[in-house]
Amino acid sequence: MTTSRDILMVALDTESDRPPEEGDMSLTLAGAELIDLLDMQAIRLDGERIVPVRRPQSGDRLLDEAASSLVRQEPYESVDDWLWRRGRGLYSAYLAALEAAGQVAQERRRWILFRTGRTVLVDSLAHREAVKRWTSGEAVLAALAAVAGIHGERTYHFP
C-alpha cells in the first residue's frame, strides 16, 4: 500500500462533523505521493524544485503515474506547482482505484433499494494495514491528516 491509499482510507474511516473537502484531499494525496517518491529515492529536492532521479516501478498504477508526470528538464517544477497540477482530480482517481480493487463499497440504507449511502471501506488486509499505521501514531500520516483536516472519531469495526 502507498501512503496516498492509506491516508484516503483513514479519511474514509474517520467520522467527523466536517469531512475533508475533495480539493484538500486531492492536494493531500499528491503530497503523500511526493513523500513516497522521496522515500523510494525516485526524486530529490533541490530547494523548492523536484528533481527526478529515476523512474521507479512501484507496482502501484497511480504512484507510477505520479512519477511519470514529473518535469524532467531544468529548471524542474516547484513542489507547489507539481502539487497543484498533480492534485487536480486526484481524490476521484484514488477513490475509483479503491472501488475497482474492491476496497470500498457504497453503504446501503435499510429499506432503500438504490445507493444513497456514503462510501465505506470493506474489511481487507489493506484496510487493516492502514489502520495499524494510523493508530501507531505514524508521524507522516498524522501530518498529512492534519493538513487535510482529518480529525474526529475513528470508526474501525473489524470482526
N, C-alpha and C. Protein backbone atom coordinates (compact mmCIF):
# COMPACT_ATOMS: atom_id res chain seq x y z
N MET A 1 0.83 -1.19 0.00
CA MET A 1 0.00 0.00 0.00
C MET A 1 0.88 1.25 0.00
N THR A 2 0.34 2.28 -0.56
CA THR A 2 1.06 3.55 -0.59
C THR A 2 0.53 4.47 0.50
N THR A 3 1.28 5.51 0.78
CA THR A 3 0.85 6.49 1.76
C THR A 3 -0.45 7.15 1.31
N SER A 4 -0.59 7.39 0.01
CA SER A 4 -1.82 8.01 -0.50
C SER A 4 -3.04 7.14 -0.22
N ARG A 5 -2.93 5.87 -0.51
CA ARG A 5 -4.07 4.98 -0.26
C ARG A 5 -4.36 4.89 1.24
N ASP A 6 -3.31 4.85 2.03
CA ASP A 6 -3.51 4.78 3.48
C ASP A 6 -4.21 6.02 4.02
N ILE A 7 -3.78 7.21 3.57
CA ILE A 7 -4.40 8.43 4.09
C ILE A 7 -5.84 8.54 3.60
N LEU A 8 -6.12 8.07 2.39
CA LEU A 8 -7.50 8.08 1.91
C LEU A 8 -8.36 7.13 2.74
N MET A 9 -7.82 5.97 3.06
CA MET A 9 -8.57 5.02 3.91
C MET A 9 -8.83 5.62 5.28
N VAL A 10 -7.84 6.29 5.83
CA VAL A 10 -8.02 6.95 7.13
C VAL A 10 -9.13 8.00 7.03
N ALA A 11 -9.11 8.79 5.96
CA ALA A 11 -10.13 9.83 5.79
C ALA A 11 -11.53 9.22 5.66
N LEU A 12 -11.64 8.13 4.93
CA LEU A 12 -12.94 7.48 4.75
C LEU A 12 -13.41 6.79 6.02
N ASP A 13 -12.47 6.43 6.87
CA ASP A 13 -12.80 5.63 8.05
C ASP A 13 -12.88 6.46 9.33
N THR A 14 -12.81 7.75 9.22
CA THR A 14 -12.86 8.61 10.39
C THR A 14 -14.12 9.46 10.34
N GLU A 15 -14.94 9.33 11.35
CA GLU A 15 -16.15 10.15 11.42
C GLU A 15 -15.78 11.55 11.88
N SER A 16 -16.37 12.52 11.24
CA SER A 16 -16.07 13.90 11.57
C SER A 16 -17.31 14.74 11.30
N ASP A 17 -17.44 15.82 12.03
CA ASP A 17 -18.55 16.74 11.78
C ASP A 17 -18.41 17.35 10.39
N ARG A 18 -17.18 17.54 9.98
CA ARG A 18 -16.91 18.14 8.67
C ARG A 18 -15.81 17.33 7.99
N PRO A 19 -16.20 16.39 7.09
CA PRO A 19 -15.17 15.62 6.41
C PRO A 19 -14.31 16.51 5.52
N PRO A 20 -13.11 16.06 5.20
CA PRO A 20 -12.23 16.87 4.35
C PRO A 20 -12.88 17.16 3.00
N GLU A 21 -12.59 18.33 2.48
CA GLU A 21 -13.07 18.71 1.15
C GLU A 21 -12.31 17.89 0.10
N GLU A 22 -12.96 17.66 -1.04
CA GLU A 22 -12.33 16.91 -2.12
C GLU A 22 -11.02 17.54 -2.57
N GLY A 23 -11.01 18.86 -2.70
CA GLY A 23 -9.79 19.56 -3.13
C GLY A 23 -8.67 19.42 -2.12
N ASP A 24 -8.99 19.52 -0.84
CA ASP A 24 -7.99 19.34 0.21
C ASP A 24 -7.43 17.93 0.18
N MET A 25 -8.31 16.94 -0.02
CA MET A 25 -7.86 15.56 -0.09
C MET A 25 -7.00 15.33 -1.32
N SER A 26 -7.35 15.94 -2.44
CA SER A 26 -6.55 15.77 -3.66
C SER A 26 -5.13 16.29 -3.46
N LEU A 27 -5.01 17.46 -2.84
CA LEU A 27 -3.68 18.01 -2.56
C LEU A 27 -2.92 17.14 -1.55
N THR A 28 -3.63 16.63 -0.56
CA THR A 28 -3.00 15.75 0.43
C THR A 28 -2.51 14.47 -0.23
N LEU A 29 -3.30 13.92 -1.14
CA LEU A 29 -2.90 12.70 -1.84
C LEU A 29 -1.66 12.95 -2.70
N ALA A 30 -1.61 14.09 -3.36
CA ALA A 30 -0.43 14.44 -4.16
C ALA A 30 0.80 14.58 -3.25
N GLY A 31 0.60 15.20 -2.08
CA GLY A 31 1.70 15.31 -1.12
C GLY A 31 2.18 13.95 -0.63
N ALA A 32 1.24 13.04 -0.42
CA ALA A 32 1.59 11.69 0.01
C ALA A 32 2.38 10.97 -1.09
N GLU A 33 1.99 11.20 -2.35
CA GLU A 33 2.74 10.60 -3.46
C GLU A 33 4.17 11.13 -3.47
N LEU A 34 4.32 12.43 -3.26
CA LEU A 34 5.64 13.03 -3.24
C LEU A 34 6.50 12.42 -2.13
N ILE A 35 5.91 12.21 -0.98
CA ILE A 35 6.63 11.59 0.14
C ILE A 35 7.07 10.18 -0.24
N ASP A 36 6.18 9.41 -0.88
CA ASP A 36 6.56 8.05 -1.29
C ASP A 36 7.66 8.07 -2.35
N LEU A 37 7.60 9.02 -3.29
CA LEU A 37 8.64 9.12 -4.31
C LEU A 37 9.98 9.49 -3.68
N LEU A 38 9.96 10.36 -2.67
CA LEU A 38 11.19 10.68 -1.94
C LEU A 38 11.73 9.44 -1.23
N ASP A 39 10.83 8.71 -0.59
CA ASP A 39 11.21 7.51 0.15
C ASP A 39 11.79 6.44 -0.78
N MET A 40 11.28 6.37 -2.00
CA MET A 40 11.77 5.40 -2.99
C MET A 40 13.04 5.88 -3.69
N GLN A 41 13.48 7.09 -3.34
CA GLN A 41 14.64 7.74 -3.95
C GLN A 41 14.46 7.90 -5.46
N ALA A 42 13.21 8.11 -5.87
CA ALA A 42 12.90 8.38 -7.27
C ALA A 42 13.09 9.86 -7.58
N ILE A 43 13.05 10.68 -6.52
CA ILE A 43 13.24 12.12 -6.66
C ILE A 43 14.11 12.62 -5.52
N ARG A 44 14.60 13.83 -5.72
CA ARG A 44 15.26 14.55 -4.63
C ARG A 44 14.79 15.99 -4.74
N LEU A 45 14.91 16.70 -3.66
CA LEU A 45 14.53 18.11 -3.67
C LEU A 45 15.78 18.97 -3.75
N ASP A 46 15.72 19.96 -4.63
CA ASP A 46 16.78 20.95 -4.75
C ASP A 46 16.12 22.28 -4.41
N GLY A 47 16.17 22.65 -3.14
CA GLY A 47 15.40 23.81 -2.68
C GLY A 47 13.93 23.47 -2.79
N GLU A 48 13.21 24.25 -3.58
CA GLU A 48 11.78 24.01 -3.78
C GLU A 48 11.48 23.27 -5.08
N ARG A 49 12.50 22.77 -5.74
CA ARG A 49 12.34 22.09 -7.03
C ARG A 49 12.41 20.58 -6.85
N ILE A 50 11.59 19.88 -7.63
CA ILE A 50 11.58 18.41 -7.62
C ILE A 50 12.49 17.93 -8.75
N VAL A 51 13.54 17.23 -8.39
CA VAL A 51 14.49 16.72 -9.38
C VAL A 51 14.29 15.21 -9.50
N PRO A 52 13.82 14.75 -10.66
CA PRO A 52 13.67 13.31 -10.86
C PRO A 52 15.05 12.64 -10.88
N VAL A 53 15.15 11.50 -10.21
CA VAL A 53 16.40 10.76 -10.17
C VAL A 53 16.29 9.51 -11.03
N ARG A 54 15.19 8.80 -10.89
CA ARG A 54 14.97 7.59 -11.69
C ARG A 54 13.47 7.33 -11.79
N ARG A 55 13.07 6.51 -12.73
CA ARG A 55 11.65 6.14 -12.89
C ARG A 55 11.43 4.82 -12.15
N PRO A 56 10.73 4.90 -11.04
CA PRO A 56 10.50 3.67 -10.27
C PRO A 56 9.36 2.86 -10.87
N GLN A 57 9.36 1.59 -10.58
CA GLN A 57 8.23 0.73 -10.90
C GLN A 57 7.70 0.23 -9.55
N SER A 58 6.79 0.98 -8.99
CA SER A 58 6.31 0.70 -7.64
C SER A 58 5.30 -0.44 -7.60
N GLY A 59 4.69 -0.73 -8.74
CA GLY A 59 3.62 -1.72 -8.74
C GLY A 59 2.27 -1.09 -8.46
N ASP A 60 2.27 0.20 -8.19
CA ASP A 60 1.02 0.93 -7.96
C ASP A 60 0.81 1.88 -9.13
N ARG A 61 -0.27 1.69 -9.86
CA ARG A 61 -0.51 2.46 -11.08
C ARG A 61 -0.49 3.96 -10.83
N LEU A 62 -1.18 4.41 -9.79
CA LEU A 62 -1.27 5.85 -9.54
C LEU A 62 0.06 6.45 -9.11
N LEU A 63 0.83 5.74 -8.32
CA LEU A 63 2.14 6.23 -7.92
C LEU A 63 3.09 6.26 -9.12
N ASP A 64 3.00 5.25 -9.99
CA ASP A 64 3.81 5.26 -11.21
C ASP A 64 3.41 6.41 -12.13
N GLU A 65 2.11 6.73 -12.19
CA GLU A 65 1.66 7.89 -12.96
C GLU A 65 2.23 9.18 -12.38
N ALA A 66 2.28 9.25 -11.06
CA ALA A 66 2.85 10.44 -10.40
C ALA A 66 4.31 10.61 -10.81
N ALA A 67 5.06 9.52 -10.80
CA ALA A 67 6.47 9.57 -11.18
C ALA A 67 6.61 9.97 -12.65
N SER A 68 5.74 9.47 -13.49
CA SER A 68 5.80 9.79 -14.92
C SER A 68 5.42 11.24 -15.20
N SER A 69 4.67 11.84 -14.31
CA SER A 69 4.20 13.21 -14.54
C SER A 69 5.23 14.28 -14.16
N LEU A 70 6.36 13.86 -13.63
CA LEU A 70 7.38 14.82 -13.20
C LEU A 70 8.03 15.49 -14.40
N VAL A 71 8.32 16.77 -14.27
CA VAL A 71 9.06 17.52 -15.29
C VAL A 71 10.51 17.07 -15.21
N ARG A 72 11.06 16.62 -16.33
CA ARG A 72 12.39 16.03 -16.33
C ARG A 72 13.46 16.93 -16.95
N GLN A 73 13.11 18.19 -17.13
CA GLN A 73 14.09 19.14 -17.68
C GLN A 73 14.22 20.33 -16.74
N GLU A 74 15.44 20.87 -16.69
CA GLU A 74 15.64 22.08 -15.90
C GLU A 74 14.81 23.20 -16.47
N PRO A 75 14.28 24.05 -15.68
CA PRO A 75 14.59 24.31 -14.28
C PRO A 75 13.77 23.45 -13.31
N TYR A 76 13.18 22.38 -13.77
CA TYR A 76 12.36 21.49 -12.96
C TYR A 76 11.19 22.23 -12.34
N GLU A 77 10.23 21.48 -11.90
CA GLU A 77 8.99 22.07 -11.38
C GLU A 77 9.09 22.28 -9.87
N SER A 78 8.46 23.33 -9.40
CA SER A 78 8.45 23.56 -7.95
C SER A 78 7.47 22.58 -7.30
N VAL A 79 7.69 22.34 -6.04
CA VAL A 79 6.80 21.46 -5.28
C VAL A 79 5.37 21.98 -5.35
N ASP A 80 5.18 23.28 -5.11
CA ASP A 80 3.83 23.86 -5.15
C ASP A 80 3.15 23.65 -6.49
N ASP A 81 3.88 23.93 -7.57
CA ASP A 81 3.28 23.78 -8.90
C ASP A 81 2.90 22.33 -9.17
N TRP A 82 3.80 21.41 -8.80
CA TRP A 82 3.52 19.99 -9.04
C TRP A 82 2.33 19.52 -8.21
N LEU A 83 2.27 19.93 -6.94
CA LEU A 83 1.14 19.52 -6.09
C LEU A 83 -0.19 19.97 -6.68
N TRP A 84 -0.25 21.22 -7.13
CA TRP A 84 -1.50 21.73 -7.69
C TRP A 84 -1.84 21.03 -9.00
N ARG A 85 -0.83 20.81 -9.85
CA ARG A 85 -1.09 20.15 -11.14
C ARG A 85 -1.46 18.69 -10.93
N ARG A 86 -0.70 17.97 -10.14
CA ARG A 86 -0.94 16.54 -9.91
C ARG A 86 -2.21 16.33 -9.11
N GLY A 87 -2.49 17.23 -8.19
CA GLY A 87 -3.63 17.06 -7.31
C GLY A 87 -4.98 17.22 -7.98
N ARG A 88 -5.02 17.83 -9.13
CA ARG A 88 -6.28 18.08 -9.83
C ARG A 88 -7.04 16.77 -10.07
N GLY A 89 -8.14 16.58 -9.33
CA GLY A 89 -8.99 15.40 -9.51
C GLY A 89 -8.43 14.11 -8.91
N LEU A 90 -7.38 14.21 -8.13
CA LEU A 90 -6.72 13.01 -7.62
C LEU A 90 -7.57 12.22 -6.63
N TYR A 91 -8.38 12.92 -5.85
CA TYR A 91 -9.27 12.23 -4.90
C TYR A 91 -10.17 11.24 -5.65
N SER A 92 -10.77 11.70 -6.73
CA SER A 92 -11.66 10.83 -7.52
C SER A 92 -10.91 9.66 -8.12
N ALA A 93 -9.69 9.90 -8.57
CA ALA A 93 -8.88 8.82 -9.16
C ALA A 93 -8.56 7.75 -8.12
N TYR A 94 -8.18 8.18 -6.93
CA TYR A 94 -7.86 7.20 -5.87
C TYR A 94 -9.11 6.47 -5.40
N LEU A 95 -10.21 7.18 -5.28
CA LEU A 95 -11.45 6.54 -4.87
C LEU A 95 -11.88 5.50 -5.90
N ALA A 96 -11.76 5.83 -7.18
CA ALA A 96 -12.09 4.88 -8.25
C ALA A 96 -11.17 3.66 -8.21
N ALA A 97 -9.89 3.89 -7.92
CA ALA A 97 -8.95 2.77 -7.83
C ALA A 97 -9.29 1.85 -6.66
N LEU A 98 -9.66 2.44 -5.53
CA LEU A 98 -10.07 1.62 -4.38
C LEU A 98 -11.34 0.83 -4.69
N GLU A 99 -12.26 1.48 -5.38
CA GLU A 99 -13.50 0.80 -5.74
C GLU A 99 -13.23 -0.35 -6.72
N ALA A 100 -12.38 -0.09 -7.72
CA ALA A 100 -12.04 -1.14 -8.70
C ALA A 100 -11.35 -2.33 -8.05
N ALA A 101 -10.60 -2.06 -6.99
CA ALA A 101 -9.90 -3.13 -6.27
C ALA A 101 -10.78 -3.80 -5.22
N GLY A 102 -12.03 -3.36 -5.12
CA GLY A 102 -12.94 -3.97 -4.14
C GLY A 102 -12.66 -3.54 -2.71
N GLN A 103 -11.97 -2.40 -2.54
CA GLN A 103 -11.61 -1.92 -1.20
C GLN A 103 -12.69 -1.05 -0.57
N VAL A 104 -13.59 -0.51 -1.38
CA VAL A 104 -14.68 0.32 -0.87
C VAL A 104 -16.00 -0.12 -1.49
N ALA A 105 -17.07 0.26 -0.81
CA ALA A 105 -18.42 -0.04 -1.30
C ALA A 105 -19.33 1.11 -0.88
N GLN A 106 -20.47 1.17 -1.48
CA GLN A 106 -21.47 2.16 -1.08
C GLN A 106 -22.31 1.55 0.03
N GLU A 107 -22.39 2.26 1.13
CA GLU A 107 -23.21 1.82 2.26
C GLU A 107 -24.67 1.88 1.82
N ARG A 108 -25.39 0.82 2.04
CA ARG A 108 -26.80 0.79 1.66
C ARG A 108 -27.65 1.05 2.90
N ARG A 109 -28.64 1.84 2.72
CA ARG A 109 -29.55 2.15 3.81
C ARG A 109 -30.65 1.10 3.83
N ARG A 110 -31.05 0.74 4.98
CA ARG A 110 -32.10 -0.25 5.13
C ARG A 110 -33.40 0.26 4.51
N TRP A 111 -34.06 -0.59 3.78
CA TRP A 111 -35.35 -0.33 3.14
C TRP A 111 -35.26 0.57 1.92
N ILE A 112 -34.08 0.94 1.53
CA ILE A 112 -33.93 1.74 0.32
C ILE A 112 -33.19 0.89 -0.70
N LEU A 113 -33.76 0.76 -1.88
CA LEU A 113 -33.22 -0.15 -2.88
C LEU A 113 -32.06 0.40 -3.68
N PHE A 114 -31.88 1.71 -3.74
CA PHE A 114 -30.80 2.27 -4.53
C PHE A 114 -29.72 2.83 -3.62
N ARG A 115 -28.57 3.09 -4.20
CA ARG A 115 -27.42 3.59 -3.44
C ARG A 115 -27.66 5.04 -2.99
N THR A 116 -27.67 5.23 -1.71
CA THR A 116 -27.79 6.59 -1.20
C THR A 116 -26.80 6.83 -0.07
N GLY A 117 -26.12 5.79 0.33
CA GLY A 117 -25.23 5.92 1.48
C GLY A 117 -23.88 6.50 1.12
N ARG A 118 -23.05 6.57 2.12
CA ARG A 118 -21.70 7.09 1.93
C ARG A 118 -20.77 5.96 1.52
N THR A 119 -19.62 6.33 1.04
CA THR A 119 -18.61 5.35 0.66
C THR A 119 -17.97 4.81 1.94
N VAL A 120 -17.91 3.49 2.06
CA VAL A 120 -17.32 2.86 3.23
C VAL A 120 -16.27 1.85 2.79
N LEU A 121 -15.31 1.62 3.65
CA LEU A 121 -14.26 0.65 3.38
C LEU A 121 -14.74 -0.75 3.73
N VAL A 122 -14.27 -1.71 2.96
CA VAL A 122 -14.56 -3.10 3.29
C VAL A 122 -13.43 -3.60 4.19
N ASP A 123 -13.71 -4.65 4.92
CA ASP A 123 -12.69 -5.24 5.78
C ASP A 123 -11.71 -5.98 4.87
N SER A 124 -10.48 -5.52 4.84
CA SER A 124 -9.45 -6.13 3.99
C SER A 124 -8.10 -5.97 4.67
N LEU A 125 -7.13 -6.70 4.16
CA LEU A 125 -5.77 -6.59 4.68
C LEU A 125 -5.24 -5.16 4.50
N ALA A 126 -5.50 -4.57 3.35
CA ALA A 126 -5.03 -3.20 3.10
C ALA A 126 -5.64 -2.22 4.09
N HIS A 127 -6.92 -2.40 4.37
CA HIS A 127 -7.61 -1.54 5.34
C HIS A 127 -6.99 -1.71 6.73
N ARG A 128 -6.77 -2.94 7.11
CA ARG A 128 -6.18 -3.20 8.43
C ARG A 128 -4.77 -2.62 8.54
N GLU A 129 -4.00 -2.71 7.47
CA GLU A 129 -2.65 -2.15 7.49
C GLU A 129 -2.69 -0.63 7.59
N ALA A 130 -3.64 0.00 6.91
CA ALA A 130 -3.79 1.47 7.02
C ALA A 130 -4.17 1.85 8.44
N VAL A 131 -5.07 1.09 9.04
CA VAL A 131 -5.49 1.35 10.42
C VAL A 131 -4.31 1.17 11.37
N LYS A 132 -3.55 0.13 11.16
CA LYS A 132 -2.38 -0.12 12.02
C LYS A 132 -1.39 1.04 11.93
N ARG A 133 -1.17 1.49 10.73
CA ARG A 133 -0.25 2.61 10.52
C ARG A 133 -0.78 3.87 11.19
N TRP A 134 -2.07 4.10 11.08
CA TRP A 134 -2.70 5.30 11.65
C TRP A 134 -2.71 5.24 13.17
N THR A 135 -3.12 4.12 13.74
CA THR A 135 -3.22 4.02 15.19
C THR A 135 -1.87 3.94 15.88
N SER A 136 -0.82 3.63 15.11
CA SER A 136 0.52 3.63 15.69
C SER A 136 1.04 5.05 15.90
N GLY A 137 0.30 6.03 15.36
CA GLY A 137 0.71 7.42 15.51
C GLY A 137 1.82 7.82 14.56
N GLU A 138 1.94 7.13 13.44
CA GLU A 138 2.99 7.43 12.49
C GLU A 138 2.96 8.91 12.12
N ALA A 139 4.11 9.55 12.20
CA ALA A 139 4.21 10.99 12.01
C ALA A 139 3.78 11.44 10.61
N VAL A 140 4.11 10.67 9.58
CA VAL A 140 3.77 11.06 8.21
C VAL A 140 2.25 11.12 8.05
N LEU A 141 1.56 10.06 8.47
CA LEU A 141 0.10 10.06 8.35
C LEU A 141 -0.53 11.13 9.22
N ALA A 142 -0.01 11.32 10.41
CA ALA A 142 -0.55 12.35 11.30
C ALA A 142 -0.41 13.74 10.69
N ALA A 143 0.73 14.02 10.08
CA ALA A 143 0.95 15.33 9.45
C ALA A 143 0.03 15.51 8.25
N LEU A 144 -0.09 14.48 7.42
CA LEU A 144 -0.98 14.57 6.26
C LEU A 144 -2.43 14.74 6.70
N ALA A 145 -2.83 14.02 7.74
CA ALA A 145 -4.20 14.14 8.26
C ALA A 145 -4.46 15.56 8.75
N ALA A 146 -3.50 16.12 9.44
CA ALA A 146 -3.67 17.49 9.94
C ALA A 146 -3.83 18.48 8.79
N VAL A 147 -3.03 18.31 7.75
CA VAL A 147 -3.11 19.20 6.59
C VAL A 147 -4.48 19.09 5.91
N ALA A 148 -4.99 17.87 5.83
CA ALA A 148 -6.28 17.64 5.16
C ALA A 148 -7.47 17.96 6.05
N GLY A 149 -7.21 18.18 7.33
CA GLY A 149 -8.30 18.46 8.26
C GLY A 149 -9.02 17.20 8.72
N ILE A 150 -8.30 16.09 8.72
CA ILE A 150 -8.88 14.83 9.18
C ILE A 150 -8.75 14.76 10.69
N HIS A 151 -9.86 14.74 11.34
CA HIS A 151 -9.91 14.58 12.79
C HIS A 151 -11.29 14.05 13.12
N GLY A 152 -11.45 13.61 14.30
CA GLY A 152 -12.73 13.04 14.69
C GLY A 152 -12.54 11.65 15.25
N GLU A 153 -13.64 10.96 15.41
CA GLU A 153 -13.62 9.62 15.99
C GLU A 153 -13.28 8.58 14.94
N ARG A 154 -12.48 7.63 15.33
CA ARG A 154 -12.16 6.52 14.44
C ARG A 154 -13.33 5.54 14.48
N THR A 155 -13.63 4.98 13.33
CA THR A 155 -14.81 4.11 13.24
C THR A 155 -14.46 2.69 12.85
N TYR A 156 -13.30 2.21 13.22
CA TYR A 156 -12.86 0.88 12.81
C TYR A 156 -13.65 -0.18 13.54
N HIS A 157 -14.31 -1.00 12.77
CA HIS A 157 -15.10 -2.10 13.35
C HIS A 157 -14.76 -3.38 12.64
N PHE A 158 -13.70 -4.04 13.08
CA PHE A 158 -13.33 -5.30 12.47
C PHE A 158 -13.97 -6.43 13.26
N PRO A 159 -14.35 -7.49 12.58
CA PRO A 159 -14.93 -8.65 13.27
C PRO A 159 -13.94 -9.33 14.19
